[in-house]
Amino acid sequence: MKSNKDAFCDYLQLEKKYSAHTVNAYLNDISFFEVFNKTHFDQDGIEGVNYSQIRSWIVSLVDEGVSNVSVNRKMASLKSFYKFLLKTKQIEVSPMLKHKALKTPKIIQIPFSEKELTDLMQEVGVPVGFEEVRDKLIVDLFYTTGIRRAELIHLLIVNVDLSSGVIKVLGKRNKERIIPVLPIITEQFKTYLNERSAVEEIVDEDYFFISKKGLKLSESFVYRLINSYFSRVSEKVKKSPHVLRHTFATHLLNNGADLNSVKELLGHSSLASTQVYTHNSLAELKKVYAGAHPRSK
């Protein structure tokens, strides 16, 4: 007979369709609480705990220097676990019922400016050879589509439609979406595929983006690539694929794109997720308003 934790694992994978990374994070959080509960309360299993035990764990985590963001993530894991136990009638009341998340500072991602993007493209110039062509295409694809790092890494050759000018990506919770690409990107796709065909041995042949050894790209490689490129033109502390995704959304909104359209392009399940990107576009709007209105003179 499966344990509640094993059943919860199946639920996350099969019903919620969470990635392996997310499932492991949830299970690790639950395991850490199980160890804490056994050590401090000599209790096997966490199905019958009360909130005071959970609160003791929160206090312990904070005392150890764990950030409020990380504590909240661990509590979210517990909350999901107890919600699952309620659903499967293993418990009657969740001990997390009255839990309130710890306060965390709002972090506003600062996007790259249009000038920084222009400066970068001028500095890069015309790429030569497989790696240069690939790297520039990766930067341009992030900026012109707003796709996530994992979506780019797992992009399959069969899901790049050059004739229609679209790509199909697999987003969070295995949700597929179709994203249009600009004609200039389609041309870069063709150049890249031509260079890619000259790679001597391709191991991960199904994947669109590969290394010079023919392997699928790693997350750390893509992060380092973006960081390295933008270090040439930007002094921002954060230079990552996610900042480029944020830049894509902000620049679209600054130039009059509809919020719902941006939501669909980003693959957000709710408009609330997309509204996070309106902070910078609102600042731009205020600047235009202040400069254009007669009373601002």
C-alpha atoms as a PDB file:
ATOM      1  CA  MET A   1       0.000   0.000   0.000  1.00  0.00           C
ATOM      2  CA  LYS A   2       1.322   3.424  -1.009  1.00  0.00           C
ATOM      3  CA  SER A   3       2.207   5.964   1.631  1.00  0.00           C
ATOM      4  CA  ASN A   4       0.425   9.300   1.595  1.00  0.00           C
ATOM      5  CA  LYS A   5       3.632  10.943   0.371  1.00  0.00           C
ATOM      6  CA  ASP A   6       3.937   8.513  -2.550  1.00  0.00           C
ATOM      7  CA  ALA A   7       0.279   9.064  -3.430  1.00  0.00           C
ATOM      8  CA  PHE A   8       0.854  12.823  -3.238  1.00  0.00           C
ATOM      9  CA  CYS A   9       3.822  12.429  -5.600  1.00  0.00           C
ATOM     10  CA  ASP A  10       1.607  10.625  -8.133  1.00  0.00           C
ATOM     11  CA  TYR A  11      -1.016  13.349  -7.756  1.00  0.00           C
ATOM     12  CA  LEU A  12       1.499  16.110  -8.498  1.00  0.00           C
ATOM     13  CA  GLN A  13       2.927  14.281 -11.497  1.00  0.00           C
ATOM     14  CA  LEU A  14      -0.205  12.814 -13.070  1.00  0.00           C
ATOM     15  CA  GLU A  15      -3.012  15.208 -12.144  1.00  0.00           C
ATOM     16  CA  LYS A  16      -1.262  18.522 -11.605  1.00  0.00           C
ATOM     17  CA  LYS A  17       1.342  17.705 -14.290  1.00  0.00           C
ATOM     18  CA  TYR A  18       4.132  19.428 -12.385  1.00  0.00           C
ATOM     19  CA  SER A  19       7.704  19.083 -13.631  1.00  0.00           C
ATOM     20  CA  ALA A  20      10.065  16.602 -11.972  1.00  0.00           C
ATOM     21  CA  HIS A  21      11.993  19.535 -10.475  1.00  0.00           C
ATOM     22  CA  THR A  22       8.845  20.983  -8.852  1.00  0.00           C
ATOM     23  CA  VAL A  23       7.699  17.596  -7.548  1.00  0.00           C
ATOM     24  CA  ASN A  24      11.102  16.969  -5.964  1.00  0.00           C
ATOM     25  CA  ALA A  25      11.002  20.407  -4.300  1.00  0.00           C
ATOM     26  CA  TYR A  26       7.577  19.648  -2.765  1.00  0.00           C
ATOM     27  CA  LEU A  27       8.649  16.215  -1.531  1.00  0.00           C
ATOM     28  CA  ASN A  28      11.915  17.527  -0.096  1.00  0.00           C
ATOM     29  CA  ASP A  29      10.047  20.184   1.893  1.00  0.00           C
ATOM     30  CA  ILE A  30       7.688  17.550   3.285  1.00  0.00           C
ATOM     31  CA  SER A  31      10.606  15.238   4.150  1.00  0.00           C
ATOM     32  CA  PHE A  32      12.419  18.046   5.998  1.00  0.00           C
ATOM     33  CA  PHE A  33       9.298  18.692   8.076  1.00  0.00           C
ATOM     34  CA  GLU A  34       8.948  14.978   8.814  1.00  0.00           C
ATOM     35  CA  VAL A  35      12.526  14.916  10.175  1.00  0.00           C
ATOM     36  CA  PHE A  36      11.942  18.082  12.217  1.00  0.00           C
ATOM     37  CA  ASN A  37       8.700  16.704  13.635  1.00  0.00           C
ATOM     38  CA  LYS A  38      10.292  13.377  14.568  1.00  0.00           C
ATOM     39  CA  THR A  39      13.301  15.097  16.180  1.00  0.00           C
ATOM     40  CA  HIS A  40      11.370  17.691  18.178  1.00  0.00           C
ATOM     41  CA  PHE A  41       8.055  15.949  18.885  1.00  0.00           C
ATOM     42  CA  ASP A  42       9.017  12.273  18.572  1.00  0.00           C
ATOM     43  CA  GLN A  43       6.096  11.755  16.215  1.00  0.00           C
ATOM     44  CA  ASP A  44       6.118   9.408  13.216  1.00  0.00           C
ATOM     45  CA  GLY A  45       4.277  10.822  10.217  1.00  0.00           C
ATOM     46  CA  ILE A  46       2.922  14.347   9.852  1.00  0.00           C
ATOM     47  CA  GLU A  47      -0.730  13.577   9.105  1.00  0.00           C
ATOM     48  CA  GLY A  48      -1.804  14.270  12.698  1.00  0.00           C
ATOM     49  CA  VAL A  49       0.202  17.406  13.487  1.00  0.00           C
ATOM     50  CA  ASN A  50      -1.274  20.646  14.748  1.00  0.00           C
ATOM     51  CA  TYR A  51      -0.379  24.164  13.667  1.00  0.00           C
ATOM     52  CA  SER A  52       1.782  24.822  16.737  1.00  0.00           C
ATOM     53  CA  GLN A  53       4.178  22.123  15.488  1.00  0.00           C
ATOM     54  CA  ILE A  54       4.300  23.727  12.062  1.00  0.00           C
ATOM     55  CA  ARG A  55       4.848  27.122  13.670  1.00  0.00           C
ATOM     56  CA  SER A  56       7.785  25.671  15.627  1.00  0.00           C
ATOM     57  CA  TRP A  57       9.323  24.622  12.313  1.00  0.00           C
ATOM     58  CA  ILE A  58       8.793  28.136  10.902  1.00  0.00           C
ATOM     59  CA  VAL A  59      10.536  29.672  13.941  1.00  0.00           C
ATOM     60  CA  SER A  60      13.390  27.173  13.602  1.00  0.00           C
ATOM     61  CA  LEU A  61      13.832  27.979   9.886  1.00  0.00           C
ATOM     62  CA  VAL A  62      13.862  31.737  10.526  1.00  0.00           C
ATOM     63  CA  ASP A  63      16.384  31.292  13.363  1.00  0.00           C
ATOM     64  CA  GLU A  64      18.614  29.370  10.934  1.00  0.00           C
ATOM     65  CA  GLY A  65      18.587  32.338   8.576  1.00  0.00           C
ATOM     66  CA  VAL A  66      16.252  30.885   5.948  1.00  0.00           C
ATOM     67  CA  SER A  67      14.660  33.748   3.977  1.00  0.00           C
ATOM     68  CA  ASN A  68      10.950  34.492   4.240  1.00  0.00           C
ATOM     69  CA  VAL A  69      10.589  33.642   0.544  1.00  0.00           C
ATOM     70  CA  SER A  70      12.040  30.162   1.122  1.00  0.00           C
ATOM     71  CA  VAL A  71       9.954  29.639   4.269  1.00  0.00           C
ATOM     72  CA  ASN A  72       6.812  30.576   2.328  1.00  0.00           C
ATOM     73  CA  ARG A  73       7.702  28.085  -0.380  1.00  0.00           C
ATOM     74  CA  LYS A  74       8.067  25.311   2.196  1.00  0.00           C
ATOM     75  CA  MET A  75       4.716  26.265   3.738  1.00  0.00           C
ATOM     76  CA  ALA A  76       3.129  26.194   0.281  1.00  0.00           C
ATOM     77  CA  SER A  77       4.395  22.610  -0.083  1.00  0.00           C
ATOM     78  CA  LEU A  78       2.848  21.641   3.266  1.00  0.00           C
ATOM     79  CA  LYS A  79      -0.389  23.416   2.401  1.00  0.00           C
ATOM     80  CA  SER A  80      -0.657  21.465  -0.859  1.00  0.00           C
ATOM     81  CA  PHE A  81       0.082  18.200   0.942  1.00  0.00           C
ATOM     82  CA  TYR A  82      -2.633  18.746   3.544  1.00  0.00           C
ATOM     83  CA  LYS A  83      -5.057  19.889   0.863  1.00  0.00           C
ATOM     84  CA  PHE A  84      -4.396  16.563  -0.875  1.00  0.00           C
ATOM     85  CA  LEU A  85      -4.991  14.666   2.400  1.00  0.00           C
ATOM     86  CA  LEU A  86      -8.320  16.490   2.791  1.00  0.00           C
ATOM     87  CA  LYS A  87      -9.287  15.629  -0.763  1.00  0.00           C
ATOM     88  CA  THR A  88      -8.495  11.950  -0.207  1.00  0.00           C
ATOM     89  CA  LYS A  89     -10.244  12.003   3.203  1.00  0.00           C
ATOM     90  CA  GLN A  90      -7.086  11.151   5.147  1.00  0.00           C
ATOM     91  CA  ILE A  91      -7.701  14.106   7.485  1.00  0.00           C
ATOM     92  CA  GLU A  92     -10.780  16.169   8.361  1.00  0.00           C
ATOM     93  CA  VAL A  93      -9.164  19.574   8.973  1.00  0.00           C
ATOM     94  CA  SER A  94      -5.941  20.994   7.549  1.00  0.00           C
ATOM     95  CA  PRO A  95      -3.468  22.248  10.187  1.00  0.00           C
ATOM     96  CA  MET A  96      -2.570  24.965   7.656  1.00  0.00           C
ATOM     97  CA  LEU A  97      -6.112  26.372   7.653  1.00  0.00           C
ATOM     98  CA  LYS A  98      -5.287  29.638   9.426  1.00  0.00           C
ATOM     99  CA  HIS A  99      -1.680  29.972   8.283  1.00  0.00           C
ATOM    100  CA  LYS A 100      -0.620  33.347   6.908  1.00  0.00           C
ATOM    101  CA  ALA A 101       2.454  33.721   4.730  1.00  0.00           C
ATOM    102  CA  LEU A 102       5.416  35.688   6.048  1.00  0.00           C
ATOM    103  CA  LYS A 103       5.852  39.166   4.611  1.00  0.00           C
ATOM    104  CA  THR A 104       8.351  39.448   1.785  1.00  0.00           C
ATOM    105  CA  PRO A 105       9.710  42.525   0.001  1.00  0.00           C
ATOM    106  CA  LYS A 106       8.352  43.151  -3.476  1.00  0.00           C
ATOM    107  CA  ILE A 107      11.053  42.532  -6.058  1.00  0.00           C
ATOM    108  CA  ILE A 108      10.589  44.475  -9.274  1.00  0.00           C
ATOM    109  CA  GLN A 109      12.593  43.093 -12.154  1.00  0.00           C
ATOM    110  CA  ILE A 110      14.290  45.894 -14.091  1.00  0.00           C
ATOM    111  CA  PRO A 111      14.084  45.154 -17.818  1.00  0.00           C
ATOM    112  CA  PHE A 112      16.770  45.978 -20.336  1.00  0.00           C
ATOM    113  CA  SER A 113      16.158  49.231 -22.188  1.00  0.00           C
ATOM    114  CA  GLU A 114      15.571  49.359 -25.928  1.00  0.00           C
ATOM    115  CA  LYS A 115      18.907  51.189 -26.208  1.00  0.00           C
ATOM    116  CA  GLU A 116      20.716  48.338 -24.434  1.00  0.00           C
ATOM    117  CA  LEU A 117      19.240  45.865 -26.912  1.00  0.00           C
ATOM    118  CA  THR A 118      20.222  48.078 -29.851  1.00  0.00           C
ATOM    119  CA  ASP A 119      23.744  48.571 -28.480  1.00  0.00           C
ATOM    120  CA  LEU A 120      24.147  44.830 -27.985  1.00  0.00           C
ATOM    121  CA  MET A 121      23.064  43.971 -31.521  1.00  0.00           C
ATOM    122  CA  GLN A 122      25.482  46.566 -32.921  1.00  0.00           C
ATOM    123  CA  GLU A 123      28.329  45.174 -30.847  1.00  0.00           C
ATOM    124  CA  VAL A 124      27.592  41.551 -31.775  1.00  0.00           C
ATOM    125  CA  GLY A 125      27.409  42.363 -35.483  1.00  0.00           C
ATOM    126  CA  VAL A 126      27.068  39.557 -38.011  1.00  0.00           C
ATOM    127  CA  PRO A 127      27.733  36.176 -36.369  1.00  0.00           C
ATOM    128  CA  VAL A 128      30.102  33.706 -38.027  1.00  0.00           C
ATOM    129  CA  GLY A 129      30.115  29.959 -37.472  1.00  0.00           C
ATOM    130  CA  PHE A 130      27.821  27.570 -35.626  1.00  0.00           C
ATOM    131  CA  GLU A 131      28.268  28.824 -32.069  1.00  0.00           C
ATOM    132  CA  GLU A 132      28.028  32.544 -32.850  1.00  0.00           C
ATOM    133  CA  VAL A 133      24.943  32.018 -35.030  1.00  0.00           C
ATOM    134  CA  ARG A 134      23.306  29.865 -32.344  1.00  0.00           C
ATOM    135  CA  ASP A 135      24.098  32.263 -29.499  1.00  0.00           C
ATOM    136  CA  LYS A 136      22.745  35.336 -31.293  1.00  0.00           C
ATOM    137  CA  LEU A 137      19.599  33.419 -32.257  1.00  0.00           C
ATOM    138  CA  ILE A 138      19.062  32.423 -28.620  1.00  0.00           C
ATOM    139  CA  VAL A 139      19.302  36.056 -27.482  1.00  0.00           C
ATOM    140  CA  ASP A 140      16.978  37.243 -30.259  1.00  0.00           C
ATOM    141  CA  LEU A 141      14.476  34.446 -29.667  1.00  0.00           C
ATOM    142  CA  PHE A 142      14.218  35.276 -25.959  1.00  0.00           C
ATOM    143  CA  TYR A 143      13.708  38.958 -26.716  1.00  0.00           C
ATOM    144  CA  THR A 144      11.229  38.550 -29.585  1.00  0.00           C
ATOM    145  CA  THR A 145       9.059  35.765 -28.130  1.00  0.00           C
ATOM    146  CA  GLY A 146       9.408  35.997 -24.335  1.00  0.00           C
ATOM    147  CA  ILE A 147       9.761  32.228 -23.986  1.00  0.00           C
ATOM    148  CA  ARG A 148      11.058  30.681 -20.784  1.00  0.00           C
ATOM    149  CA  ARG A 149      14.542  29.206 -20.501  1.00  0.00           C
ATOM    150  CA  ALA A 150      13.178  25.650 -20.143  1.00  0.00           C
ATOM    151  CA  GLU A 151      10.926  26.167 -23.176  1.00  0.00           C
ATOM    152  CA  LEU A 152      13.902  27.206 -25.302  1.00  0.00           C
ATOM    153  CA  ILE A 153      16.088  24.329 -24.110  1.00  0.00           C
ATOM    154  CA  HIS A 154      13.362  21.747 -24.824  1.00  0.00           C
ATOM    155  CA  LEU A 155      12.303  23.200 -28.178  1.00  0.00           C
ATOM    156  CA  LEU A 156      12.105  20.338 -30.687  1.00  0.00           C
ATOM    157  CA  ILE A 157      13.045  20.576 -34.363  1.00  0.00           C
ATOM    158  CA  VAL A 158       9.602  19.240 -35.369  1.00  0.00           C
ATOM    159  CA  ASN A 159       7.988  22.128 -33.483  1.00  0.00           C
ATOM    160  CA  VAL A 160       9.729  24.837 -35.529  1.00  0.00           C
ATOM    161  CA  ASP A 161       7.514  25.619 -38.528  1.00  0.00           C
ATOM    162  CA  LEU A 162       9.485  27.788 -40.927  1.00  0.00           C
ATOM    163  CA  SER A 163       6.731  27.994 -43.545  1.00  0.00           C
ATOM    164  CA  SER A 164       4.129  29.295 -41.065  1.00  0.00           C
ATOM    165  CA  GLY A 165       6.595  31.318 -38.982  1.00  0.00           C
ATOM    166  CA  VAL A 166       5.571  29.774 -35.648  1.00  0.00           C
ATOM    167  CA  ILE A 167       7.052  27.589 -32.933  1.00  0.00           C
ATOM    168  CA  LYS A 168       5.279  25.246 -30.523  1.00  0.00           C
ATOM    169  CA  VAL A 169       6.641  25.169 -26.982  1.00  0.00           C
ATOM    170  CA  LEU A 170       5.866  23.087 -23.925  1.00  0.00           C
ATOM    171  CA  GLY A 171       5.261  25.409 -20.982  1.00  0.00           C
ATOM    172  CA  LYS A 172       4.516  24.940 -17.308  1.00  0.00           C
ATOM    173  CA  ARG A 173       2.323  21.975 -16.382  1.00  0.00           C
ATOM    174  CA  ASN A 174       2.964  20.558 -19.873  1.00  0.00           C
ATOM    175  CA  LYS A 175       0.734  23.161 -21.520  1.00  0.00           C
ATOM    176  CA  GLU A 176       1.507  23.625 -25.193  1.00  0.00           C
ATOM    177  CA  ARG A 177       1.221  26.967 -26.944  1.00  0.00           C
ATOM    178  CA  ILE A 178       1.908  28.308 -30.405  1.00  0.00           C
ATOM    179  CA  ILE A 179       4.077  31.432 -30.635  1.00  0.00           C
ATOM    180  CA  PRO A 180       4.514  33.498 -33.810  1.00  0.00           C
ATOM    181  CA  VAL A 181       8.065  34.507 -34.720  1.00  0.00           C
ATOM    182  CA  LEU A 182       9.180  37.523 -36.699  1.00  0.00           C
ATOM    183  CA  PRO A 183      10.395  37.065 -40.312  1.00  0.00           C
ATOM    184  CA  ILE A 184      13.911  38.099 -39.248  1.00  0.00           C
ATOM    185  CA  ILE A 185      13.920  35.212 -36.733  1.00  0.00           C
ATOM    186  CA  THR A 186      12.716  32.765 -39.396  1.00  0.00           C
ATOM    187  CA  GLU A 187      15.724  33.754 -41.506  1.00  0.00           C
ATOM    188  CA  GLN A 188      17.999  33.220 -38.500  1.00  0.00           C
ATOM    189  CA  PHE A 189      16.426  29.778 -38.007  1.00  0.00           C
ATOM    190  CA  LYS A 190      17.405  28.848 -41.573  1.00  0.00           C
ATOM    191  CA  THR A 191      20.981  30.073 -41.107  1.00  0.00           C
ATOM    192  CA  TYR A 192      21.284  28.206 -37.809  1.00  0.00           C
ATOM    193  CA  LEU A 193      19.901  24.951 -39.230  1.00  0.00           C
ATOM    194  CA  ASN A 194      22.411  25.180 -42.054  1.00  0.00           C
ATOM    195  CA  GLU A 195      25.251  25.571 -39.518  1.00  0.00           C
ATOM    196  CA  ARG A 196      23.756  22.863 -37.307  1.00  0.00           C
ATOM    197  CA  SER A 197      23.802  20.349 -40.167  1.00  0.00           C
ATOM    198  CA  ALA A 198      27.611  20.625 -40.237  1.00  0.00           C
ATOM    199  CA  VAL A 199      27.979  19.475 -36.598  1.00  0.00           C
ATOM    200  CA  GLU A 200      29.869  16.183 -36.845  1.00  0.00           C
ATOM    201  CA  GLU A 201      27.964  14.065 -34.334  1.00  0.00           C
ATOM    202  CA  ILE A 202      24.548  15.022 -32.992  1.00  0.00           C
ATOM    203  CA  VAL A 203      23.524  12.982 -29.952  1.00  0.00           C
ATOM    204  CA  ASP A 204      20.307  14.822 -29.016  1.00  0.00           C
ATOM    205  CA  GLU A 205      19.076  15.153 -32.587  1.00  0.00           C
ATOM    206  CA  ASP A 206      15.433  15.880 -31.668  1.00  0.00           C
ATOM    207  CA  TYR A 207      16.332  19.135 -29.939  1.00  0.00           C
ATOM    208  CA  PHE A 208      16.573  22.347 -31.942  1.00  0.00           C
ATOM    209  CA  PHE A 209      19.363  23.967 -29.916  1.00  0.00           C
ATOM    210  CA  ILE A 210      22.483  21.866 -29.318  1.00  0.00           C
ATOM    211  CA  SER A 211      26.080  22.319 -28.218  1.00  0.00           C
ATOM    212  CA  LYS A 212      29.046  21.898 -30.574  1.00  0.00           C
ATOM    213  CA  LYS A 213      29.245  18.326 -29.191  1.00  0.00           C
ATOM    214  CA  GLY A 214      25.699  17.649 -30.361  1.00  0.00           C
ATOM    215  CA  LEU A 215      24.122  17.659 -26.905  1.00  0.00           C
ATOM    216  CA  LYS A 216      20.998  19.430 -25.652  1.00  0.00           C
ATOM    217  CA  LEU A 217      21.881  22.710 -23.943  1.00  0.00           C
ATOM    218  CA  SER A 218      21.899  22.933 -20.133  1.00  0.00           C
ATOM    219  CA  GLU A 219      20.096  25.589 -18.080  1.00  0.00           C
ATOM    220  CA  SER A 220      23.388  26.870 -16.668  1.00  0.00           C
ATOM    221  CA  PHE A 221      24.873  27.262 -20.162  1.00  0.00           C
ATOM    222  CA  VAL A 222      21.923  29.371 -21.336  1.00  0.00           C
ATOM    223  CA  TYR A 223      22.067  31.508 -18.189  1.00  0.00           C
ATOM    224  CA  ARG A 224      25.806  32.122 -18.615  1.00  0.00           C
ATOM    225  CA  LEU A 225      25.294  32.970 -22.281  1.00  0.00           C
ATOM    226  CA  ILE A 226      22.710  35.684 -21.573  1.00  0.00           C
ATOM    227  CA  ASN A 227      24.721  37.041 -18.648  1.00  0.00           C
ATOM    228  CA  SER A 228      27.871  37.204 -20.767  1.00  0.00           C
ATOM    229  CA  TYR A 229      26.169  38.921 -23.705  1.00  0.00           C
ATOM    230  CA  PHE A 230      24.446  41.613 -21.654  1.00  0.00           C
ATOM    231  CA  SER A 231      27.489  42.274 -19.469  1.00  0.00           C
ATOM    232  CA  ARG A 232      28.874  44.032 -22.555  1.00  0.00           C
ATOM    233  CA  VAL A 233      26.202  46.721 -22.570  1.00  0.00           C
ATOM    234  CA  SER A 234      24.423  46.694 -19.193  1.00  0.00           C
ATOM    235  CA  GLU A 235      25.461  47.337 -15.607  1.00  0.00           C
ATOM    236  CA  LYS A 236      22.249  45.856 -14.201  1.00  0.00           C
ATOM    237  CA  VAL A 237      22.841  43.368 -11.399  1.00  0.00           C
ATOM    238  CA  LYS A 238      20.428  40.808 -12.837  1.00  0.00           C
ATOM    239  CA  LYS A 239      21.139  39.691 -16.406  1.00  0.00           C
ATOM    240  CA  SER A 240      19.258  36.480 -17.091  1.00  0.00           C
ATOM    241  CA  PRO A 241      16.822  34.795 -19.509  1.00  0.00           C
ATOM    242  CA  HIS A 242      13.983  35.772 -17.165  1.00  0.00           C
ATOM    243  CA  VAL A 243      14.973  39.441 -17.376  1.00  0.00           C
ATOM    244  CA  LEU A 244      14.801  39.117 -21.177  1.00  0.00           C
ATOM    245  CA  ARG A 245      11.308  37.608 -20.834  1.00  0.00           C
ATOM    246  CA  HIS A 246      10.390  40.557 -18.638  1.00  0.00           C
ATOM    247  CA  THR A 247      11.929  42.921 -21.206  1.00  0.00           C
ATOM    248  CA  PHE A 248       9.861  41.361 -24.006  1.00  0.00           C
ATOM    249  CA  ALA A 249       6.616  41.932 -22.092  1.00  0.00           C
ATOM    250  CA  THR A 250       7.526  45.450 -20.951  1.00  0.00           C
ATOM    251  CA  HIS A 251       8.558  46.636 -24.425  1.00  0.00           C
ATOM    252  CA  LEU A 252       5.352  45.253 -25.943  1.00  0.00           C
ATOM    253  CA  LEU A 253       3.225  47.062 -23.363  1.00  0.00           C
ATOM    254  CA  ASN A 254       5.237  50.268 -23.761  1.00  0.00           C
ATOM    255  CA  ASN A 255       4.484  50.195 -27.472  1.00  0.00           C
ATOM    256  CA  GLY A 256       0.740  49.739 -27.078  1.00  0.00           C
ATOM    257  CA  ALA A 257       0.230  45.957 -26.980  1.00  0.00           C
ATOM    258  CA  ASP A 258      -2.948  44.668 -25.363  1.00  0.00           C
ATOM    259  CA  LEU A 259      -2.448  43.056 -21.935  1.00  0.00           C
ATOM    260  CA  ASN A 260      -4.493  39.983 -22.908  1.00  0.00           C
ATOM    261  CA  SER A 261      -2.351  39.451 -26.010  1.00  0.00           C
ATOM    262  CA  VAL A 262       0.825  39.638 -23.930  1.00  0.00           C
ATOM    263  CA  LYS A 263      -0.730  37.136 -21.499  1.00  0.00           C
ATOM    264  CA  GLU A 264      -1.288  34.651 -24.329  1.00  0.00           C
ATOM    265  CA  LEU A 265       2.214  35.124 -25.737  1.00  0.00           C
ATOM    266  CA  LEU A 266       3.787  34.545 -22.311  1.00  0.00           C
ATOM    267  CA  GLY A 267       1.624  31.492 -21.616  1.00  0.00           C
ATOM    268  CA  HIS A 268       0.236  32.807 -18.342  1.00  0.00           C
ATOM    269  CA  SER A 269      -2.819  31.045 -16.937  1.00  0.00           C
ATOM    270  CA  SER A 270      -4.206  34.241 -15.395  1.00  0.00           C
ATOM    271  CA  LEU A 271      -4.078  37.942 -16.170  1.00  0.00           C
ATOM    272  CA  ALA A 272      -2.791  38.635 -12.648  1.00  0.00           C
ATOM    273  CA  SER A 273       0.543  37.031 -13.573  1.00  0.00           C
ATOM    274  CA  THR A 274       0.900  39.322 -16.589  1.00  0.00           C
ATOM    275  CA  GLN A 275      -0.034  42.479 -14.694  1.00  0.00           C
ATOM    276  CA  VAL A 276       3.288  42.263 -12.856  1.00  0.00           C
ATOM    277  CA  TYR A 277       4.865  43.554 -16.081  1.00  0.00           C
ATOM    278  CA  THR A 278       2.725  46.698 -16.139  1.00  0.00           C
ATOM    279  CA  HIS A 279       4.809  48.492 -13.477  1.00  0.00           C
ATOM    280  CA  ASN A 280       7.491  49.567 -15.921  1.00  0.00           C
ATOM    281  CA  SER A 281       5.063  50.310 -18.747  1.00  0.00           C
ATOM    282  CA  LEU A 282       3.113  52.529 -16.332  1.00  0.00           C
ATOM    283  CA  ALA A 283       6.307  54.431 -15.541  1.00  0.00           C
ATOM    284  CA  GLU A 284       6.852  54.950 -19.262  1.00  0.00           C
ATOM    285  CA  LEU A 285       3.247  56.087 -19.666  1.00  0.00           C
ATOM    286  CA  LYS A 286       3.654  58.631 -16.859  1.00  0.00           C
ATOM    287  CA  LYS A 287       6.757  60.001 -18.571  1.00  0.00           C
ATOM    288  CA  VAL A 288       4.907  60.439 -21.881  1.00  0.00           C
ATOM    289  CA  TYR A 289       1.898  61.945 -20.104  1.00  0.00           C
ATOM    290  CA  ALA A 290       4.051  64.433 -18.165  1.00  0.00           C
ATOM    291  CA  GLY A 291       5.797  65.517 -21.336  1.00  0.00           C
ATOM    292  CA  ALA A 292       2.699  65.807 -23.529  1.00  0.00           C
ATOM    293  CA  HIS A 293      -0.043  67.311 -21.384  1.00  0.00           C
ATOM    294  CA  PRO A 294      -0.403  71.158 -21.643  1.00  0.00           C
ATOM    295  CA  ARG A 295      -0.580  71.544 -17.845  1.00  0.00           C
ATOM    296  CA  SER A 296       2.777  69.784 -17.426  1.00  0.00           C
ATOM    297  CA  LYS A 297       4.667  72.769 -18.872  1.00  0.00           C
END
